[in-house]
Amino acid sequence: DVFEQPQHVGHKKIKFHISTEIPAVLQINSEKEEKNGKTVYLNATTEEINNTGFGRIFPAPSSNDKMETEEEDDEIPSEFISRKDLEKNRLSKEEMEKYSVFKNYEPGDPNCRIYVKNLAKQVQEKDLKFIFGRYVDFQSEVERNMFDIRLMKEGRMKGQAFIGLPNEKAAAKALKEVNGYVLFEKPMVVQFARSARPKQDANEGKRKK
């Protein structure tokens, strides 16, 4: 009895009914690919052409991004010197100590007027405007009118200049970044101008008397 059971089990058959028919959708696609191989590419090209309509919408933001970067660059006018150029051609503190011009150097009392000395003979007002103009907002009429350059070309004051800036903050920044800048192979010595205060002291002295 034990050996007969497996024989009965072996006679049992499990049947799977698998339809050999291909669905109509697949047949149509396969026929198109086999018979009309070009139709697939034609459809793709038509889709690409249709998609180009949507593609025309997307380049607009990219052009706006370019405009934004250009506007950022325009914030620092190209007609004035850049901070990188200032740093490249500026002497370090150690190098300044080697020049007798910087011995006993004192920046002076902060004000909106700057005194520059040790200028080369070739220096012109346009050269000073190229350097100090970056500290002025030329879109503002007030700042534009306050910006003043007086370059001394004759007499004892030759090689010196007085530059008026809009405020003390701009003047302090200019002094910090421009002092020691080499212009025409000569380092510029930049200090706060001190011509205005002695006049005030003199007037006060007269009043006391």
C-alpha atoms as a PDB file:
ATOM      1  CA  ASP A   1       0.000   0.000   0.000  1.00  0.00           C
ATOM      2  CA  VAL A   2       2.822   2.331   0.750  1.00  0.00           C
ATOM      3  CA  PHE A   3       4.319   1.981  -2.735  1.00  0.00           C
ATOM      4  CA  GLU A   4       1.023   2.300  -4.551  1.00  0.00           C
ATOM      5  CA  GLN A   5       0.288   5.836  -3.322  1.00  0.00           C
ATOM      6  CA  PRO A   6       3.092   7.533  -5.220  1.00  0.00           C
ATOM      7  CA  GLN A   7       1.935   5.791  -8.400  1.00  0.00           C
ATOM      8  CA  HIS A   8      -1.530   7.277  -8.061  1.00  0.00           C
ATOM      9  CA  VAL A   9      -0.025  10.667  -7.392  1.00  0.00           C
ATOM     10  CA  GLY A  10       2.155  10.376 -10.464  1.00  0.00           C
ATOM     11  CA  HIS A  11      -0.860   9.814 -12.712  1.00  0.00           C
ATOM     12  CA  LYS A  12      -2.370  13.135 -11.638  1.00  0.00           C
ATOM     13  CA  LYS A  13      -1.619  15.884 -14.140  1.00  0.00           C
ATOM     14  CA  ILE A  14      -1.820  19.621 -13.670  1.00  0.00           C
ATOM     15  CA  LYS A  15      -2.815  21.413 -16.802  1.00  0.00           C
ATOM     16  CA  PHE A  16      -2.106  25.067 -17.525  1.00  0.00           C
ATOM     17  CA  HIS A  17      -4.261  26.667 -20.142  1.00  0.00           C
ATOM     18  CA  ILE A  18      -2.011  29.243 -21.818  1.00  0.00           C
ATOM     19  CA  SER A  19      -3.415  31.086 -24.746  1.00  0.00           C
ATOM     20  CA  THR A  20      -0.946  31.345 -27.583  1.00  0.00           C
ATOM     21  CA  GLU A  21      -2.804  34.270 -29.061  1.00  0.00           C
ATOM     22  CA  ILE A  22      -1.048  37.636 -28.952  1.00  0.00           C
ATOM     23  CA  PRO A  23      -3.191  40.549 -27.850  1.00  0.00           C
ATOM     24  CA  ALA A  24      -4.413  42.727 -30.653  1.00  0.00           C
ATOM     25  CA  VAL A  25      -2.523  45.795 -29.403  1.00  0.00           C
ATOM     26  CA  LEU A  26       0.819  44.008 -29.433  1.00  0.00           C
ATOM     27  CA  GLN A  27       0.154  42.578 -32.870  1.00  0.00           C
ATOM     28  CA  ILE A  28      -0.565  45.991 -34.279  1.00  0.00           C
ATOM     29  CA  ASN A  29       2.608  47.462 -32.765  1.00  0.00           C
ATOM     30  CA  SER A  30       4.734  44.534 -33.916  1.00  0.00           C
ATOM     31  CA  GLU A  31       3.336  44.740 -37.401  1.00  0.00           C
ATOM     32  CA  LYS A  32       4.077  48.419 -37.549  1.00  0.00           C
ATOM     33  CA  GLU A  33       7.648  47.856 -36.403  1.00  0.00           C
ATOM     34  CA  GLU A  34       8.218  45.010 -38.854  1.00  0.00           C
ATOM     35  CA  LYS A  35       6.397  46.309 -41.908  1.00  0.00           C
ATOM     36  CA  ASN A  36       6.673  50.029 -41.383  1.00  0.00           C
ATOM     37  CA  GLY A  37       9.901  50.540 -39.539  1.00  0.00           C
ATOM     38  CA  LYS A  38       9.938  54.137 -40.668  1.00  0.00           C
ATOM     39  CA  THR A  39       6.653  54.939 -38.974  1.00  0.00           C
ATOM     40  CA  VAL A  40       8.314  54.670 -35.560  1.00  0.00           C
ATOM     41  CA  TYR A  41      10.870  57.291 -36.502  1.00  0.00           C
ATOM     42  CA  LEU A  42       8.277  59.479 -38.108  1.00  0.00           C
ATOM     43  CA  ASN A  43       6.236  59.432 -34.932  1.00  0.00           C
ATOM     44  CA  ALA A  44       9.328  60.288 -32.905  1.00  0.00           C
ATOM     45  CA  THR A  45      10.162  63.203 -35.139  1.00  0.00           C
ATOM     46  CA  THR A  46       6.645  64.529 -34.954  1.00  0.00           C
ATOM     47  CA  GLU A  47       6.803  64.285 -31.151  1.00  0.00           C
ATOM     48  CA  GLU A  48      10.084  66.153 -31.143  1.00  0.00           C
ATOM     49  CA  ILE A  49       8.596  68.834 -33.341  1.00  0.00           C
ATOM     50  CA  ASN A  50       5.608  69.113 -31.055  1.00  0.00           C
ATOM     51  CA  ASN A  51       7.891  69.304 -28.012  1.00  0.00           C
ATOM     52  CA  THR A  52       9.819  72.174 -29.512  1.00  0.00           C
ATOM     53  CA  GLY A  53       6.735  74.267 -28.969  1.00  0.00           C
ATOM     54  CA  PHE A  54       7.102  73.703 -25.248  1.00  0.00           C
ATOM     55  CA  GLY A  55      10.869  74.191 -25.497  1.00  0.00           C
ATOM     56  CA  ARG A  56      10.368  77.744 -26.667  1.00  0.00           C
ATOM     57  CA  ILE A  57       8.870  78.616 -23.302  1.00  0.00           C
ATOM     58  CA  PHE A  58      11.857  77.379 -21.280  1.00  0.00           C
ATOM     59  CA  PRO A  59      14.689  79.475 -22.788  1.00  0.00           C
ATOM     60  CA  ALA A  60      13.035  82.625 -21.457  1.00  0.00           C
ATOM     61  CA  PRO A  61      14.034  82.004 -17.777  1.00  0.00           C
ATOM     62  CA  SER A  62      17.612  81.195 -18.802  1.00  0.00           C
ATOM     63  CA  SER A  63      17.848  84.545 -20.601  1.00  0.00           C
ATOM     64  CA  ASN A  64      16.560  86.223 -17.450  1.00  0.00           C
ATOM     65  CA  ASP A  65      19.297  84.521 -15.448  1.00  0.00           C
ATOM     66  CA  LYS A  66      21.864  85.982 -17.820  1.00  0.00           C
ATOM     67  CA  MET A  67      20.359  89.407 -17.371  1.00  0.00           C
ATOM     68  CA  GLU A  68      20.601  89.057 -13.589  1.00  0.00           C
ATOM     69  CA  THR A  69      24.290  88.159 -13.742  1.00  0.00           C
ATOM     70  CA  GLU A  70      24.932  91.089 -16.050  1.00  0.00           C
ATOM     71  CA  GLU A  71      23.111  93.406 -13.661  1.00  0.00           C
ATOM     72  CA  GLU A  72      25.263  92.156 -10.788  1.00  0.00           C
ATOM     73  CA  ASP A  73      28.385  92.885 -12.805  1.00  0.00           C
ATOM     74  CA  ASP A  74      27.064  96.327 -13.674  1.00  0.00           C
ATOM     75  CA  GLU A  75      26.824  97.191  -9.975  1.00  0.00           C
ATOM     76  CA  ILE A  76      30.610  97.637 -10.018  1.00  0.00           C
ATOM     77  CA  PRO A  77      31.288  99.925 -12.998  1.00  0.00           C
ATOM     78  CA  SER A  78      34.082  98.709 -15.239  1.00  0.00           C
ATOM     79  CA  GLU A  79      35.363 102.274 -15.643  1.00  0.00           C
ATOM     80  CA  PHE A  80      36.839 102.113 -12.124  1.00  0.00           C
ATOM     81  CA  ILE A  81      39.519  99.900 -10.663  1.00  0.00           C
ATOM     82  CA  SER A  82      38.502  96.574  -9.157  1.00  0.00           C
ATOM     83  CA  ARG A  83      39.312  95.386  -5.660  1.00  0.00           C
ATOM     84  CA  LYS A  84      41.457  92.557  -7.067  1.00  0.00           C
ATOM     85  CA  ASP A  85      43.657  94.994  -8.976  1.00  0.00           C
ATOM     86  CA  LEU A  86      44.041  97.122  -5.863  1.00  0.00           C
ATOM     87  CA  GLU A  87      45.174  94.141  -3.815  1.00  0.00           C
ATOM     88  CA  LYS A  88      47.573  92.910  -6.516  1.00  0.00           C
ATOM     89  CA  ASN A  89      49.449  96.220  -6.863  1.00  0.00           C
ATOM     90  CA  ARG A  90      49.347  97.230  -3.204  1.00  0.00           C
ATOM     91  CA  LEU A  91      52.375  96.919  -0.968  1.00  0.00           C
ATOM     92  CA  SER A  92      52.213  94.800   2.148  1.00  0.00           C
ATOM     93  CA  LYS A  93      52.984  96.242   5.579  1.00  0.00           C
ATOM     94  CA  GLU A  94      56.424  94.646   5.492  1.00  0.00           C
ATOM     95  CA  GLU A  95      57.180  96.161   2.104  1.00  0.00           C
ATOM     96  CA  MET A  96      55.968  99.586   3.260  1.00  0.00           C
ATOM     97  CA  GLU A  97      58.528  99.569   6.067  1.00  0.00           C
ATOM     98  CA  LYS A  98      61.307  99.462   3.450  1.00  0.00           C
ATOM     99  CA  TYR A  99      60.201 102.824   2.000  1.00  0.00           C
ATOM    100  CA  SER A 100      61.199 106.025   3.755  1.00  0.00           C
ATOM    101  CA  VAL A 101      57.913 107.600   2.645  1.00  0.00           C
ATOM    102  CA  PHE A 102      55.948 105.402   5.065  1.00  0.00           C
ATOM    103  CA  LYS A 103      58.157 106.097   8.096  1.00  0.00           C
ATOM    104  CA  ASN A 104      56.178 107.675  10.941  1.00  0.00           C
ATOM    105  CA  TYR A 105      53.018 107.178   8.916  1.00  0.00           C
ATOM    106  CA  GLU A 106      49.781 108.199  10.607  1.00  0.00           C
ATOM    107  CA  PRO A 107      46.372 108.078   8.902  1.00  0.00           C
ATOM    108  CA  GLY A 108      45.164 111.197  10.718  1.00  0.00           C
ATOM    109  CA  ASP A 109      41.730 112.117  12.003  1.00  0.00           C
ATOM    110  CA  PRO A 110      38.871 110.605   9.964  1.00  0.00           C
ATOM    111  CA  ASN A 111      36.977 112.967   7.684  1.00  0.00           C
ATOM    112  CA  CYS A 112      35.522 112.931   4.188  1.00  0.00           C
ATOM    113  CA  ARG A 113      38.616 114.459   2.571  1.00  0.00           C
ATOM    114  CA  ILE A 114      41.746 112.494   1.650  1.00  0.00           C
ATOM    115  CA  TYR A 115      45.319 113.635   1.173  1.00  0.00           C
ATOM    116  CA  VAL A 116      47.538 111.712  -1.229  1.00  0.00           C
ATOM    117  CA  LYS A 117      51.271 112.186  -1.727  1.00  0.00           C
ATOM    118  CA  ASN A 118      54.271 110.541  -3.417  1.00  0.00           C
ATOM    119  CA  LEU A 119      52.507 110.597  -6.776  1.00  0.00           C
ATOM    120  CA  ALA A 120      54.477 110.047  -9.973  1.00  0.00           C
ATOM    121  CA  LYS A 121      54.874 112.792 -12.575  1.00  0.00           C
ATOM    122  CA  GLN A 122      52.720 110.847 -15.060  1.00  0.00           C
ATOM    123  CA  VAL A 123      49.695 110.782 -12.753  1.00  0.00           C
ATOM    124  CA  GLN A 124      46.676 112.708 -14.018  1.00  0.00           C
ATOM    125  CA  GLU A 125      43.252 113.426 -12.564  1.00  0.00           C
ATOM    126  CA  LYS A 126      41.696 110.650 -14.658  1.00  0.00           C
ATOM    127  CA  ASP A 127      44.054 108.146 -12.966  1.00  0.00           C
ATOM    128  CA  LEU A 128      42.894 109.239  -9.522  1.00  0.00           C
ATOM    129  CA  LYS A 129      39.276 109.163 -10.639  1.00  0.00           C
ATOM    130  CA  PHE A 130      39.828 105.618 -11.906  1.00  0.00           C
ATOM    131  CA  ILE A 131      40.996 104.577  -8.428  1.00  0.00           C
ATOM    132  CA  PHE A 132      38.863 106.650  -6.038  1.00  0.00           C
ATOM    133  CA  GLY A 133      35.748 106.739  -8.211  1.00  0.00           C
ATOM    134  CA  ARG A 134      34.821 103.247  -7.009  1.00  0.00           C
ATOM    135  CA  TYR A 135      33.948 104.743  -3.607  1.00  0.00           C
ATOM    136  CA  VAL A 136      31.357 107.106  -5.082  1.00  0.00           C
ATOM    137  CA  ASP A 137      27.810 106.351  -6.168  1.00  0.00           C
ATOM    138  CA  PHE A 138      27.565 108.342  -9.382  1.00  0.00           C
ATOM    139  CA  GLN A 139      23.846 107.687  -9.636  1.00  0.00           C
ATOM    140  CA  SER A 140      23.406 109.987  -6.652  1.00  0.00           C
ATOM    141  CA  GLU A 141      23.676 113.688  -7.497  1.00  0.00           C
ATOM    142  CA  VAL A 142      24.791 114.513  -3.952  1.00  0.00           C
ATOM    143  CA  GLU A 143      27.685 112.056  -3.967  1.00  0.00           C
ATOM    144  CA  ARG A 144      28.622 112.986  -7.519  1.00  0.00           C
ATOM    145  CA  ASN A 145      28.848 116.671  -6.587  1.00  0.00           C
ATOM    146  CA  MET A 146      30.850 115.959  -3.415  1.00  0.00           C
ATOM    147  CA  PHE A 147      33.445 113.929  -5.316  1.00  0.00           C
ATOM    148  CA  ASP A 148      36.308 116.330  -5.999  1.00  0.00           C
ATOM    149  CA  ILE A 149      39.899 115.833  -7.153  1.00  0.00           C
ATOM    150  CA  ARG A 150      42.601 118.465  -6.874  1.00  0.00           C
ATOM    151  CA  LEU A 151      45.922 117.317  -8.271  1.00  0.00           C
ATOM    152  CA  MET A 152      48.903 119.600  -7.654  1.00  0.00           C
ATOM    153  CA  LYS A 153      51.202 119.705 -10.673  1.00  0.00           C
ATOM    154  CA  GLU A 154      53.409 122.710  -9.900  1.00  0.00           C
ATOM    155  CA  GLY A 155      55.338 124.196  -7.017  1.00  0.00           C
ATOM    156  CA  ARG A 156      56.049 122.584  -3.668  1.00  0.00           C
ATOM    157  CA  MET A 157      52.767 120.670  -3.675  1.00  0.00           C
ATOM    158  CA  LYS A 158      53.699 118.859  -6.873  1.00  0.00           C
ATOM    159  CA  GLY A 159      52.992 115.118  -6.668  1.00  0.00           C
ATOM    160  CA  GLN A 160      50.230 115.609  -4.090  1.00  0.00           C
ATOM    161  CA  ALA A 161      46.454 115.591  -4.324  1.00  0.00           C
ATOM    162  CA  PHE A 162      43.337 116.253  -2.289  1.00  0.00           C
ATOM    163  CA  ILE A 163      40.279 114.094  -2.911  1.00  0.00           C
ATOM    164  CA  GLY A 164      36.825 114.835  -1.536  1.00  0.00           C
ATOM    165  CA  LEU A 165      34.573 111.832  -0.944  1.00  0.00           C
ATOM    166  CA  PRO A 166      30.854 111.701   0.008  1.00  0.00           C
ATOM    167  CA  ASN A 167      31.366 110.696   3.656  1.00  0.00           C
ATOM    168  CA  GLU A 168      33.879 109.536   6.248  1.00  0.00           C
ATOM    169  CA  LYS A 169      32.960 105.886   5.736  1.00  0.00           C
ATOM    170  CA  ALA A 170      33.880 106.033   2.053  1.00  0.00           C
ATOM    171  CA  ALA A 171      37.062 107.934   2.867  1.00  0.00           C
ATOM    172  CA  ALA A 172      38.105 105.409   5.522  1.00  0.00           C
ATOM    173  CA  LYS A 173      37.522 102.536   3.115  1.00  0.00           C
ATOM    174  CA  ALA A 174      39.503 104.293   0.399  1.00  0.00           C
ATOM    175  CA  LEU A 175      42.400 104.961   2.773  1.00  0.00           C
ATOM    176  CA  LYS A 176      42.504 101.342   3.887  1.00  0.00           C
ATOM    177  CA  GLU A 177      42.410  99.871   0.376  1.00  0.00           C
ATOM    178  CA  VAL A 178      44.453 102.416  -1.598  1.00  0.00           C
ATOM    179  CA  ASN A 179      47.281 103.244   0.807  1.00  0.00           C
ATOM    180  CA  GLY A 180      50.423 101.632  -0.594  1.00  0.00           C
ATOM    181  CA  TYR A 181      48.986 101.121  -4.067  1.00  0.00           C
ATOM    182  CA  VAL A 182      51.759 101.344  -6.661  1.00  0.00           C
ATOM    183  CA  LEU A 183      50.855 103.768  -9.438  1.00  0.00           C
ATOM    184  CA  PHE A 184      53.459 104.313 -12.167  1.00  0.00           C
ATOM    185  CA  GLU A 185      56.034 102.434 -10.070  1.00  0.00           C
ATOM    186  CA  LYS A 186      55.536 104.704  -7.050  1.00  0.00           C
ATOM    187  CA  PRO A 187      53.521 103.709  -3.948  1.00  0.00           C
ATOM    188  CA  MET A 188      50.777 106.137  -2.993  1.00  0.00           C
ATOM    189  CA  VAL A 189      50.708 107.467   0.565  1.00  0.00           C
ATOM    190  CA  VAL A 190      47.091 108.052   1.590  1.00  0.00           C
ATOM    191  CA  GLN A 191      46.056 109.972   4.698  1.00  0.00           C
ATOM    192  CA  PHE A 192      43.087 111.931   5.972  1.00  0.00           C
ATOM    193  CA  ALA A 193      43.366 115.603   5.065  1.00  0.00           C
ATOM    194  CA  ARG A 194      43.913 117.941   8.030  1.00  0.00           C
ATOM    195  CA  SER A 195      43.506 121.348   6.415  1.00  0.00           C
ATOM    196  CA  ALA A 196      39.969 122.021   7.678  1.00  0.00           C
ATOM    197  CA  ARG A 197      40.428 121.604  11.442  1.00  0.00           C
ATOM    198  CA  PRO A 198      43.246 124.106  12.119  1.00  0.00           C
ATOM    199  CA  LYS A 199      40.985 126.886  10.752  1.00  0.00           C
ATOM    200  CA  GLN A 200      38.307 125.939  13.277  1.00  0.00           C
ATOM    201  CA  ASP A 201      40.840 125.958  16.105  1.00  0.00           C
ATOM    202  CA  ALA A 202      42.059 129.391  15.039  1.00  0.00           C
ATOM    203  CA  ASN A 203      38.527 130.761  15.080  1.00  0.00           C
ATOM    204  CA  GLU A 204      37.895 129.321  18.499  1.00  0.00           C
ATOM    205  CA  GLY A 205      41.076 130.945  19.761  1.00  0.00           C
ATOM    206  CA  LYS A 206      39.933 134.345  18.506  1.00  0.00           C
ATOM    207  CA  ARG A 207      36.554 133.937  20.188  1.00  0.00           C
ATOM    208  CA  LYS A 208      38.207 133.134  23.539  1.00  0.00           C
ATOM    209  CA  LYS A 209      40.315 136.277  23.350  1.00  0.00           C
END
